[in-house]
Amino acid sequence: MEFVEVLNDNQKEARYYYENNWLQLRIQAKSKNYIKEYNLLETDYSEDGPFHFILITTFADQSQFEAREKNFGELIEAKGALKLLNDTQPKDFRKTVFVKNEAKQLIH
């Protein structure tokens, strides 16, 4: 899970980036059985939750998780250039607040 803060009021740029890059890669990854599931969540920023987006990628097992860099590298190379709104670069509209790599699903 990745928790992302939008910088400089670039909400439209961030949403466009995640819908047209992050999400598209997850759709492809799931179709190739590289991941089990994915979620792109948008939330209101607050002092207790200083982020706007939660990105979740779920792996079926340890082997999928361990192959993630190779598998996503392949998909990114095939995809080509990033799709950006207003040519705003990711470093200008997003900041990862924190990442949590391990969580156990309790309910199926």
PDB file of N, CA and C in Angstrom:
ATOM      1  N   MET A   1       0.846  -1.169   0.000  1.00  0.00           N
ATOM      2  CA  MET A   1       0.000   0.000   0.000  1.00  0.00           C
ATOM      3  C   MET A   1       0.890   1.230   0.000  1.00  0.00           C
ATOM      4  N   GLU A   2       0.503   2.167  -0.827  1.00  0.00           N
ATOM      5  CA  GLU A   2       1.236   3.429  -0.900  1.00  0.00           C
ATOM      6  C   GLU A   2       0.256   4.562  -0.619  1.00  0.00           C
ATOM      7  N   PHE A   3       0.639   5.451   0.259  1.00  0.00           N
ATOM      8  CA  PHE A   3      -0.194   6.591   0.644  1.00  0.00           C
ATOM      9  C   PHE A   3       0.440   7.838   0.041  1.00  0.00           C
ATOM     10  N   VAL A   4      -0.322   8.556  -0.793  1.00  0.00           N
ATOM     11  CA  VAL A   4       0.237   9.634  -1.603  1.00  0.00           C
ATOM     12  C   VAL A   4      -0.452  10.962  -1.321  1.00  0.00           C
ATOM     13  N   GLU A   5       0.358  11.974  -1.102  1.00  0.00           N
ATOM     14  CA  GLU A   5      -0.129  13.341  -0.930  1.00  0.00           C
ATOM     15  C   GLU A   5      -0.026  14.062  -2.274  1.00  0.00           C
ATOM     16  N   VAL A   6      -1.059  14.814  -2.624  1.00  0.00           N
ATOM     17  CA  VAL A   6      -1.029  15.641  -3.826  1.00  0.00           C
ATOM     18  C   VAL A   6      -0.401  16.984  -3.467  1.00  0.00           C
ATOM     19  N   LEU A   7       0.547  17.413  -4.275  1.00  0.00           N
ATOM     20  CA  LEU A   7       1.260  18.669  -4.036  1.00  0.00           C
ATOM     21  C   LEU A   7       0.704  19.806  -4.897  1.00  0.00           C
ATOM     22  N   ASN A   8       0.781  21.002  -4.378  1.00  0.00           N
ATOM     23  CA  ASN A   8       0.502  22.222  -5.136  1.00  0.00           C
ATOM     24  C   ASN A   8      -0.873  22.248  -5.805  1.00  0.00           C
ATOM     25  N   ASP A   9      -1.877  21.674  -5.159  1.00  0.00           N
ATOM     26  CA  ASP A   9      -3.246  21.672  -5.695  1.00  0.00           C
ATOM     27  C   ASP A   9      -3.366  21.009  -7.068  1.00  0.00           C
ATOM     28  N   ASN A  10      -2.521  20.054  -7.347  1.00  0.00           N
ATOM     29  CA  ASN A  10      -2.528  19.363  -8.639  1.00  0.00           C
ATOM     30  C   ASN A  10      -3.369  18.088  -8.600  1.00  0.00           C
ATOM     31  N   GLN A  11      -4.577  18.185  -8.059  1.00  0.00           N
ATOM     32  CA  GLN A  11      -5.462  17.030  -7.929  1.00  0.00           C
ATOM     33  C   GLN A  11      -5.800  16.421  -9.298  1.00  0.00           C
ATOM     34  N   LYS A  12      -6.123  17.257 -10.272  1.00  0.00           N
ATOM     35  CA  LYS A  12      -6.478  16.751 -11.607  1.00  0.00           C
ATOM     36  C   LYS A  12      -5.296  16.042 -12.256  1.00  0.00           C
ATOM     37  N   GLU A  13      -4.115  16.606 -12.117  1.00  0.00           N
ATOM     38  CA  GLU A  13      -2.915  15.995 -12.687  1.00  0.00           C
ATOM     39  C   GLU A  13      -2.617  14.651 -12.026  1.00  0.00           C
ATOM     40  N   ALA A  14      -2.769  14.592 -10.714  1.00  0.00           N
ATOM     41  CA  ALA A  14      -2.516  13.338  -9.998  1.00  0.00           C
ATOM     42  C   ALA A  14      -3.528  12.269 -10.395  1.00  0.00           C
ATOM     43  N   ARG A  15      -4.799  12.628 -10.406  1.00  0.00           N
ATOM     44  CA  ARG A  15      -5.832  11.650 -10.779  1.00  0.00           C
ATOM     45  C   ARG A  15      -5.589  11.147 -12.204  1.00  0.00           C
ATOM     46  N   TYR A  16      -5.302  12.047 -13.116  1.00  0.00           N
ATOM     47  CA  TYR A  16      -5.032  11.672 -14.508  1.00  0.00           C
ATOM     48  C   TYR A  16      -3.848  10.697 -14.573  1.00  0.00           C
ATOM     49  N   TYR A  17      -2.790  11.013 -13.856  1.00  0.00           N
ATOM     50  CA  TYR A  17      -1.598  10.167 -13.837  1.00  0.00           C
ATOM     51  C   TYR A  17      -1.932   8.764 -13.329  1.00  0.00           C
ATOM     52  N   TYR A  18      -2.623   8.684 -12.214  1.00  0.00           N
ATOM     53  CA  TYR A  18      -2.919   7.365 -11.652  1.00  0.00           C
ATOM     54  C   TYR A  18      -3.895   6.580 -12.512  1.00  0.00           C
ATOM     55  N   GLU A  19      -4.879   7.227 -13.093  1.00  0.00           N
ATOM     56  CA  GLU A  19      -5.841   6.522 -13.942  1.00  0.00           C
ATOM     57  C   GLU A  19      -5.218   6.066 -15.259  1.00  0.00           C
ATOM     58  N   ASN A  20      -4.292   6.836 -15.800  1.00  0.00           N
ATOM     59  CA  ASN A  20      -3.747   6.548 -17.124  1.00  0.00           C
ATOM     60  C   ASN A  20      -2.390   5.865 -17.118  1.00  0.00           C
ATOM     61  N   ASN A  21      -1.795   5.688 -15.977  1.00  0.00           N
ATOM     62  CA  ASN A  21      -0.500   5.011 -15.867  1.00  0.00           C
ATOM     63  C   ASN A  21      -0.570   3.883 -14.846  1.00  0.00           C
ATOM     64  N   TRP A  22      -0.673   4.240 -13.573  1.00  0.00           N
ATOM     65  CA  TRP A  22      -0.687   3.239 -12.495  1.00  0.00           C
ATOM     66  C   TRP A  22      -1.798   2.213 -12.711  1.00  0.00           C
ATOM     67  N   LEU A  23      -3.021   2.677 -12.934  1.00  0.00           N
ATOM     68  CA  LEU A  23      -4.173   1.785 -13.089  1.00  0.00           C
ATOM     69  C   LEU A  23      -4.037   0.906 -14.331  1.00  0.00           C
ATOM     70  N   GLN A  24      -3.603   1.481 -15.437  1.00  0.00           N
ATOM     71  CA  GLN A  24      -3.457   0.705 -16.674  1.00  0.00           C
ATOM     72  C   GLN A  24      -2.411  -0.398 -16.521  1.00  0.00           C
ATOM     73  N   LEU A  25      -1.336  -0.105 -15.819  1.00  0.00           N
ATOM     74  CA  LEU A  25      -0.331  -1.141 -15.564  1.00  0.00           C
ATOM     75  C   LEU A  25      -0.903  -2.260 -14.703  1.00  0.00           C
ATOM     76  N   ARG A  26      -1.741  -1.918 -13.716  1.00  0.00           N
ATOM     77  CA  ARG A  26      -2.344  -2.946 -12.857  1.00  0.00           C
ATOM     78  C   ARG A  26      -3.329  -3.806 -13.637  1.00  0.00           C
ATOM     79  N   ILE A  27      -4.085  -3.209 -14.534  1.00  0.00           N
ATOM     80  CA  ILE A  27      -5.015  -3.979 -15.374  1.00  0.00           C
ATOM     81  C   ILE A  27      -4.229  -5.000 -16.199  1.00  0.00           C
ATOM     82  N   GLN A  28      -3.140  -4.563 -16.807  1.00  0.00           N
ATOM     83  CA  GLN A  28      -2.300  -5.476 -17.588  1.00  0.00           C
ATOM     84  C   GLN A  28      -1.662  -6.538 -16.698  1.00  0.00           C
ATOM     85  N   ALA A  29      -1.166  -6.124 -15.539  1.00  0.00           N
ATOM     86  CA  ALA A  29      -0.515  -7.068 -14.626  1.00  0.00           C
ATOM     87  C   ALA A  29      -1.487  -8.151 -14.173  1.00  0.00           C
ATOM     88  N   LYS A  30      -2.715  -7.773 -13.893  1.00  0.00           N
ATOM     89  CA  LYS A  30      -3.702  -8.771 -13.467  1.00  0.00           C
ATOM     90  C   LYS A  30      -4.018  -9.733 -14.610  1.00  0.00           C
ATOM     91  N   SER A  31      -4.139  -9.209 -15.827  1.00  0.00           N
ATOM     92  CA  SER A  31      -4.455 -10.074 -16.970  1.00  0.00           C
ATOM     93  C   SER A  31      -3.323 -11.066 -17.255  1.00  0.00           C
ATOM     94  N   LYS A  32      -2.087 -10.725 -16.872  1.00  0.00           N
ATOM     95  CA  LYS A  32      -0.940 -11.620 -17.058  1.00  0.00           C
ATOM     96  C   LYS A  32      -0.655 -12.463 -15.813  1.00  0.00           C
ATOM     97  N   ASN A  33      -1.528 -12.349 -14.817  1.00  0.00           N
ATOM     98  CA  ASN A  33      -1.373 -13.080 -13.561  1.00  0.00           C
ATOM     99  C   ASN A  33      -0.097 -12.684 -12.813  1.00  0.00           C
ATOM    100  N   TYR A  34       0.303 -11.415 -12.930  1.00  0.00           N
ATOM    101  CA  TYR A  34       1.444 -10.895 -12.181  1.00  0.00           C
ATOM    102  C   TYR A  34       1.022 -10.424 -10.790  1.00  0.00           C
ATOM    103  N   ILE A  35      -0.262 -10.093 -10.641  1.00  0.00           N
ATOM    104  CA  ILE A  35      -0.814  -9.650  -9.361  1.00  0.00           C
ATOM    105  C   ILE A  35      -2.176 -10.300  -9.167  1.00  0.00           C
ATOM    106  N   LYS A  36      -2.638 -10.275  -7.933  1.00  0.00           N
ATOM    107  CA  LYS A  36      -3.959 -10.820  -7.626  1.00  0.00           C
ATOM    108  C   LYS A  36      -5.040  -9.759  -7.782  1.00  0.00           C
ATOM    109  N   GLU A  37      -4.788  -8.562  -7.250  1.00  0.00           N
ATOM    110  CA  GLU A  37      -5.817  -7.510  -7.234  1.00  0.00           C
ATOM    111  C   GLU A  37      -5.160  -6.147  -7.082  1.00  0.00           C
ATOM    112  N   TYR A  38      -5.949  -5.107  -7.301  1.00  0.00           N
ATOM    113  CA  TYR A  38      -5.466  -3.735  -7.144  1.00  0.00           C
ATOM    114  C   TYR A  38      -6.637  -2.834  -6.778  1.00  0.00           C
ATOM    115  N   ASN A  39      -6.335  -1.740  -6.114  1.00  0.00           N
ATOM    116  CA  ASN A  39      -7.332  -0.716  -5.783  1.00  0.00           C
ATOM    117  C   ASN A  39      -6.665   0.645  -5.829  1.00  0.00           C
ATOM    118  N   LEU A  40      -7.379   1.598  -6.383  1.00  0.00           N
ATOM    119  CA  LEU A  40      -6.961   2.993  -6.414  1.00  0.00           C
ATOM    120  C   LEU A  40      -8.037   3.762  -5.666  1.00  0.00           C
ATOM    121  N   LEU A  41      -7.689   4.273  -4.494  1.00  0.00           N
ATOM    122  CA  LEU A  41      -8.655   4.954  -3.636  1.00  0.00           C
ATOM    123  C   LEU A  41      -8.286   6.422  -3.494  1.00  0.00           C
ATOM    124  N   GLU A  42      -9.306   7.275  -3.503  1.00  0.00           N
ATOM    125  CA  GLU A  42      -9.104   8.701  -3.275  1.00  0.00           C
ATOM    126  C   GLU A  42      -9.809   9.074  -1.980  1.00  0.00           C
ATOM    127  N   THR A  43      -9.169   9.894  -1.170  1.00  0.00           N
ATOM    128  CA  THR A  43      -9.721  10.273   0.124  1.00  0.00           C
ATOM    129  C   THR A  43      -9.427  11.743   0.399  1.00  0.00           C
ATOM    130  N   ASP A  44     -10.089  12.292   1.379  1.00  0.00           N
ATOM    131  CA  ASP A  44      -9.842  13.675   1.772  1.00  0.00           C
ATOM    132  C   ASP A  44      -8.605  13.751   2.655  1.00  0.00           C
ATOM    133  N   TYR A  45      -7.783  14.733   2.418  1.00  0.00           N
ATOM    134  CA  TYR A  45      -6.591  15.000   3.213  1.00  0.00           C
ATOM    135  C   TYR A  45      -7.009  15.490   4.599  1.00  0.00           C
ATOM    136  N   SER A  46      -6.297  15.057   5.628  1.00  0.00           N
ATOM    137  CA  SER A  46      -6.538  15.548   6.988  1.00  0.00           C
ATOM    138  C   SER A  46      -5.227  15.491   7.766  1.00  0.00           C
ATOM    139  N   GLU A  47      -5.206  16.102   8.930  1.00  0.00           N
ATOM    140  CA  GLU A  47      -4.005  16.035   9.768  1.00  0.00           C
ATOM    141  C   GLU A  47      -3.721  14.604  10.199  1.00  0.00           C
ATOM    142  N   ASP A  48      -4.778  13.842  10.483  1.00  0.00           N
ATOM    143  CA  ASP A  48      -4.610  12.449  10.900  1.00  0.00           C
ATOM    144  C   ASP A  48      -4.254  11.532   9.731  1.00  0.00           C
ATOM    145  N   GLY A  49      -4.690  11.895   8.543  1.00  0.00           N
ATOM    146  CA  GLY A  49      -4.410  11.127   7.331  1.00  0.00           C
ATOM    147  C   GLY A  49      -3.895  12.059   6.257  1.00  0.00           C
ATOM    148  N   PRO A  50      -2.597  12.398   6.305  1.00  0.00           N
ATOM    149  CA  PRO A  50      -2.046  13.420   5.408  1.00  0.00           C
ATOM    150  C   PRO A  50      -1.757  12.894   3.994  1.00  0.00           C
ATOM    151  N   PHE A  51      -2.791  12.373   3.341  1.00  0.00           N
ATOM    152  CA  PHE A  51      -2.649  11.843   1.990  1.00  0.00           C
ATOM    153  C   PHE A  51      -3.984  11.969   1.262  1.00  0.00           C
ATOM    154  N   HIS A  52      -3.918  11.886  -0.071  1.00  0.00           N
ATOM    155  CA  HIS A  52      -5.099  12.017  -0.924  1.00  0.00           C
ATOM    156  C   HIS A  52      -5.445  10.710  -1.646  1.00  0.00           C
ATOM    157  N   PHE A  53      -4.449   9.879  -1.894  1.00  0.00           N
ATOM    158  CA  PHE A  53      -4.655   8.615  -2.603  1.00  0.00           C
ATOM    159  C   PHE A  53      -4.045   7.466  -1.812  1.00  0.00           C
ATOM    160  N   ILE A  54      -4.698   6.309  -1.928  1.00  0.00           N
ATOM    161  CA  ILE A  54      -4.159   5.059  -1.396  1.00  0.00           C
ATOM    162  C   ILE A  54      -4.096   4.097  -2.580  1.00  0.00           C
ATOM    163  N   LEU A  55      -2.908   3.605  -2.862  1.00  0.00           N
ATOM    164  CA  LEU A  55      -2.688   2.686  -3.974  1.00  0.00           C
ATOM    165  C   LEU A  55      -2.424   1.306  -3.383  1.00  0.00           C
ATOM    166  N   ILE A  56      -3.227   0.337  -3.775  1.00  0.00           N
ATOM    167  CA  ILE A  56      -3.090  -1.006  -3.212  1.00  0.00           C
ATOM    168  C   ILE A  56      -2.863  -2.004  -4.338  1.00  0.00           C
ATOM    169  N   THR A  57      -1.795  -2.764  -4.226  1.00  0.00           N
ATOM    170  CA  THR A  57      -1.525  -3.866  -5.144  1.00  0.00           C
ATOM    171  C   THR A  57      -1.388  -5.116  -4.287  1.00  0.00           C
ATOM    172  N   THR A  58      -2.195  -6.116  -4.587  1.00  0.00           N
ATOM    173  CA  THR A  58      -2.208  -7.356  -3.813  1.00  0.00           C
ATOM    174  C   THR A  58      -1.603  -8.475  -4.653  1.00  0.00           C
ATOM    175  N   PHE A  59      -0.726  -9.239  -4.038  1.00  0.00           N
ATOM    176  CA  PHE A  59      -0.080 -10.364  -4.706  1.00  0.00           C
ATOM    177  C   PHE A  59      -0.650 -11.666  -4.159  1.00  0.00           C
ATOM    178  N   ALA A  60      -0.788 -12.659  -5.030  1.00  0.00           N
ATOM    179  CA  ALA A  60      -1.377 -13.940  -4.632  1.00  0.00           C
ATOM    180  C   ALA A  60      -0.463 -14.717  -3.696  1.00  0.00           C
ATOM    181  N   ASP A  61       0.838 -14.559  -3.890  1.00  0.00           N
ATOM    182  CA  ASP A  61       1.788 -15.321  -3.084  1.00  0.00           C
ATOM    183  C   ASP A  61       3.158 -14.637  -3.111  1.00  0.00           C
ATOM    184  N   GLN A  62       4.089 -15.222  -2.407  1.00  0.00           N
ATOM    185  CA  GLN A  62       5.432 -14.644  -2.290  1.00  0.00           C
ATOM    186  C   GLN A  62       6.147 -14.593  -3.637  1.00  0.00           C
ATOM    187  N   SER A  63       5.914 -15.581  -4.498  1.00  0.00           N
ATOM    188  CA  SER A  63       6.609 -15.587  -5.793  1.00  0.00           C
ATOM    189  C   SER A  63       6.148 -14.425  -6.674  1.00  0.00           C
ATOM    190  N   GLN A  64       4.860 -14.101  -6.653  1.00  0.00           N
ATOM    191  CA  GLN A  64       4.381 -12.922  -7.389  1.00  0.00           C
ATOM    192  C   GLN A  64       5.031 -11.660  -6.826  1.00  0.00           C
ATOM    193  N   PHE A  65       5.081 -11.564  -5.510  1.00  0.00           N
ATOM    194  CA  PHE A  65       5.676 -10.393  -4.868  1.00  0.00           C
ATOM    195  C   PHE A  65       7.147 -10.245  -5.249  1.00  0.00           C
ATOM    196  N   GLU A  66       7.893 -11.337  -5.201  1.00  0.00           N
ATOM    197  CA  GLU A  66       9.323 -11.291  -5.501  1.00  0.00           C
ATOM    198  C   GLU A  66       9.603 -10.966  -6.966  1.00  0.00           C
ATOM    199  N   ALA A  67       8.677 -11.294  -7.867  1.00  0.00           N
ATOM    200  CA  ALA A  67       8.859 -11.031  -9.302  1.00  0.00           C
ATOM    201  C   ALA A  67       8.317  -9.663  -9.716  1.00  0.00           C
ATOM    202  N   ARG A  68       7.837  -8.868  -8.764  1.00  0.00           N
ATOM    203  CA  ARG A  68       7.145  -7.616  -9.097  1.00  0.00           C
ATOM    204  C   ARG A  68       8.010  -6.641  -9.885  1.00  0.00           C
ATOM    205  N   GLU A  69       9.270  -6.463  -9.511  1.00  0.00           N
ATOM    206  CA  GLU A  69      10.134  -5.506 -10.209  1.00  0.00           C
ATOM    207  C   GLU A  69      10.346  -5.928 -11.662  1.00  0.00           C
ATOM    208  N   LYS A  70      10.639  -7.184 -11.873  1.00  0.00           N
ATOM    209  CA  LYS A  70      10.845  -7.709 -13.229  1.00  0.00           C
ATOM    210  C   LYS A  70       9.562  -7.585 -14.043  1.00  0.00           C
ATOM    211  N   ASN A  71       8.456  -8.019 -13.464  1.00  0.00           N
ATOM    212  CA  ASN A  71       7.189  -8.018 -14.193  1.00  0.00           C
ATOM    213  C   ASN A  71       6.712  -6.607 -14.524  1.00  0.00           C
ATOM    214  N   PHE A  72       6.758  -5.706 -13.559  1.00  0.00           N
ATOM    215  CA  PHE A  72       6.327  -4.331 -13.837  1.00  0.00           C
ATOM    216  C   PHE A  72       7.318  -3.622 -14.755  1.00  0.00           C
ATOM    217  N   GLY A  73       8.601  -3.953 -14.651  1.00  0.00           N
ATOM    218  CA  GLY A  73       9.585  -3.388 -15.573  1.00  0.00           C
ATOM    219  C   GLY A  73       9.257  -3.734 -17.018  1.00  0.00           C
ATOM    220  N   GLU A  74       8.858  -4.976 -17.233  1.00  0.00           N
ATOM    221  CA  GLU A  74       8.458  -5.432 -18.568  1.00  0.00           C
ATOM    222  C   GLU A  74       7.246  -4.641 -19.068  1.00  0.00           C
ATOM    223  N   LEU A  75       6.253  -4.474 -18.212  1.00  0.00           N
ATOM    224  CA  LEU A  75       5.037  -3.746 -18.597  1.00  0.00           C
ATOM    225  C   LEU A  75       5.324  -2.266 -18.858  1.00  0.00           C
ATOM    226  N   ILE A  76       6.151  -1.668 -18.025  1.00  0.00           N
ATOM    227  CA  ILE A  76       6.491  -0.244 -18.185  1.00  0.00           C
ATOM    228  C   ILE A  76       7.245  -0.021 -19.494  1.00  0.00           C
ATOM    229  N   GLU A  77       8.174  -0.915 -19.799  1.00  0.00           N
ATOM    230  CA  GLU A  77       8.934  -0.785 -21.050  1.00  0.00           C
ATOM    231  C   GLU A  77       8.008  -0.888 -22.260  1.00  0.00           C
ATOM    232  N   ALA A  78       7.073  -1.829 -22.226  1.00  0.00           N
ATOM    233  CA  ALA A  78       6.139  -2.003 -23.344  1.00  0.00           C
ATOM    234  C   ALA A  78       5.171  -0.827 -23.467  1.00  0.00           C
ATOM    235  N   LYS A  79       4.813  -0.224 -22.343  1.00  0.00           N
ATOM    236  CA  LYS A  79       3.846   0.879 -22.333  1.00  0.00           C
ATOM    237  C   LYS A  79       4.402   2.147 -22.957  1.00  0.00           C
ATOM    238  N   GLY A  80       5.668   2.416 -22.738  1.00  0.00           N
ATOM    239  CA  GLY A  80       6.261   3.631 -23.288  1.00  0.00           C
ATOM    240  C   GLY A  80       6.151   4.805 -22.340  1.00  0.00           C
ATOM    241  N   ALA A  81       6.113   6.000 -22.913  1.00  0.00           N
ATOM    242  CA  ALA A  81       6.153   7.245 -22.136  1.00  0.00           C
ATOM    243  C   ALA A  81       4.953   7.392 -21.208  1.00  0.00           C
ATOM    244  N   LEU A  82       5.179   8.095 -20.100  1.00  0.00           N
ATOM    245  CA  LEU A  82       4.100   8.400 -19.159  1.00  0.00           C
ATOM    246  C   LEU A  82       3.058   9.284 -19.820  1.00  0.00           C
ATOM    247  N   LYS A  83       1.805   9.080 -19.459  1.00  0.00           N
ATOM    248  CA  LYS A  83       0.734   9.974 -19.888  1.00  0.00           C
ATOM    249  C   LYS A  83       0.533  10.991 -18.775  1.00  0.00           C
ATOM    250  N   LEU A  84       0.723  12.265 -19.115  1.00  0.00           N
ATOM    251  CA  LEU A  84       0.667  13.342 -18.129  1.00  0.00           C
ATOM    252  C   LEU A  84      -0.317  14.415 -18.568  1.00  0.00           C
ATOM    253  N   LEU A  85      -1.007  14.995 -17.621  1.00  0.00           N
ATOM    254  CA  LEU A  85      -1.897  16.117 -17.877  1.00  0.00           C
ATOM    255  C   LEU A  85      -1.090  17.402 -17.735  1.00  0.00           C
ATOM    256  N   ASN A  86      -1.170  18.268 -18.728  1.00  0.00           N
ATOM    257  CA  ASN A  86      -0.470  19.560 -18.720  1.00  0.00           C
ATOM    258  C   ASN A  86       1.049  19.412 -18.632  1.00  0.00           C
ATOM    259  N   ASP A  87       1.563  18.262 -19.037  1.00  0.00           N
ATOM    260  CA  ASP A  87       3.010  17.988 -18.976  1.00  0.00           C
ATOM    261  C   ASP A  87       3.602  18.174 -17.581  1.00  0.00           C
ATOM    262  N   THR A  88       2.756  18.123 -16.552  1.00  0.00           N
ATOM    263  CA  THR A  88       3.230  18.245 -15.172  1.00  0.00           C
ATOM    264  C   THR A  88       3.889  16.931 -14.766  1.00  0.00           C
ATOM    265  N   GLN A  89       5.120  17.003 -14.315  1.00  0.00           N
ATOM    266  CA  GLN A  89       5.888  15.817 -13.951  1.00  0.00           C
ATOM    267  C   GLN A  89       5.456  15.291 -12.577  1.00  0.00           C
ATOM    268  N   PRO A  90       5.518  13.966 -12.377  1.00  0.00           N
ATOM    269  CA  PRO A  90       5.095  13.382 -11.099  1.00  0.00           C
ATOM    270  C   PRO A  90       5.722  14.036  -9.867  1.00  0.00           C
ATOM    271  N   LYS A  91       6.984  14.400  -9.930  1.00  0.00           N
ATOM    272  CA  LYS A  91       7.648  15.022  -8.768  1.00  0.00           C
ATOM    273  C   LYS A  91       7.006  16.353  -8.395  1.00  0.00           C
ATOM    274  N   ASP A  92       6.288  16.963  -9.334  1.00  0.00           N
ATOM    275  CA  ASP A  92       5.653  18.255  -9.086  1.00  0.00           C
ATOM    276  C   ASP A  92       4.232  18.142  -8.541  1.00  0.00           C
ATOM    277  N   PHE A  93       3.627  16.936  -8.608  1.00  0.00           N
ATOM    278  CA  PHE A  93       2.243  16.813  -8.144  1.00  0.00           C
ATOM    279  C   PHE A  93       2.005  15.719  -7.115  1.00  0.00           C
ATOM    280  N   ARG A  94       3.015  14.951  -6.764  1.00  0.00           N
ATOM    281  CA  ARG A  94       2.782  13.880  -5.788  1.00  0.00           C
ATOM    282  C   ARG A  94       3.974  13.681  -4.872  1.00  0.00           C
ATOM    283  N   LYS A  95       3.660  13.176  -3.687  1.00  0.00           N
ATOM    284  CA  LYS A  95       4.693  12.829  -2.707  1.00  0.00           C
ATOM    285  C   LYS A  95       4.206  11.592  -1.965  1.00  0.00           C
ATOM    286  N   THR A  96       5.024  10.548  -1.949  1.00  0.00           N
ATOM    287  CA  THR A  96       4.679   9.358  -1.187  1.00  0.00           C
ATOM    288  C   THR A  96       4.893   9.664   0.287  1.00  0.00           C
ATOM    289  N   VAL A  97       3.816   9.560   1.066  1.00  0.00           N
ATOM    290  CA  VAL A  97       3.882   9.834   2.501  1.00  0.00           C
ATOM    291  C   VAL A  97       4.491   8.632   3.215  1.00  0.00           C
ATOM    292  N   PHE A  98       3.992   7.438   2.891  1.00  0.00           N
ATOM    293  CA  PHE A  98       4.601   6.217   3.405  1.00  0.00           C
ATOM    294  C   PHE A  98       4.104   5.022   2.610  1.00  0.00           C
ATOM    295  N   VAL A  99       4.846   3.910   2.739  1.00  0.00           N
ATOM    296  CA  VAL A  99       4.536   2.662   2.046  1.00  0.00           C
ATOM    297  C   VAL A  99       4.469   1.558   3.083  1.00  0.00           C
ATOM    298  N   LYS A 100       3.498   0.684   2.939  1.00  0.00           N
ATOM    299  CA  LYS A 100       3.375  -0.502   3.796  1.00  0.00           C
ATOM    300  C   LYS A 100       3.353  -1.710   2.866  1.00  0.00           C
ATOM    301  N   ASN A 101       4.378  -2.558   2.951  1.00  0.00           N
ATOM    302  CA  ASN A 101       4.492  -3.682   2.022  1.00  0.00           C
ATOM    303  C   ASN A 101       3.783  -4.948   2.477  1.00  0.00           C
ATOM    304  N   GLU A 102       3.525  -5.087   3.753  1.00  0.00           N
ATOM    305  CA  GLU A 102       2.919  -6.335   4.207  1.00  0.00           C
ATOM    306  C   GLU A 102       1.673  -6.074   5.030  1.00  0.00           C
ATOM    307  N   ALA A 103       0.604  -6.731   4.628  1.00  0.00           N
ATOM    308  CA  ALA A 103      -0.650  -6.723   5.378  1.00  0.00           C
ATOM    309  C   ALA A 103      -1.342  -8.044   5.077  1.00  0.00           C
ATOM    310  N   LYS A 104      -2.028  -8.583   6.048  1.00  0.00           N
ATOM    311  CA  LYS A 104      -2.725  -9.857   5.873  1.00  0.00           C
ATOM    312  C   LYS A 104      -4.211  -9.607   5.679  1.00  0.00           C
ATOM    313  N   GLN A 105      -4.759 -10.250   4.660  1.00  0.00           N
ATOM    314  CA  GLN A 105      -6.192 -10.156   4.418  1.00  0.00           C
ATOM    315  C   GLN A 105      -6.906 -11.083   5.394  1.00  0.00           C
ATOM    316  N   LEU A 106      -7.837 -10.535   6.151  1.00  0.00           N
ATOM    317  CA  LEU A 106      -8.537 -11.322   7.165  1.00  0.00           C
ATOM    318  C   LEU A 106      -9.855 -11.889   6.663  1.00  0.00           C
ATOM    319  N   ILE A 107     -10.490 -11.198   5.736  1.00  0.00           N
ATOM    320  CA  ILE A 107     -11.782 -11.642   5.209  1.00  0.00           C
ATOM    321  C   ILE A 107     -11.660 -11.785   3.702  1.00  0.00           C
ATOM    322  N   HIS A 108     -12.151 -12.881   3.167  1.00  0.00           N
ATOM    323  CA  HIS A 108     -12.081 -13.122   1.706  1.00  0.00           C
ATOM    324  C   HIS A 108     -13.409 -12.843   1.070  1.00  0.00           C
TER     325      HIS A 108
END
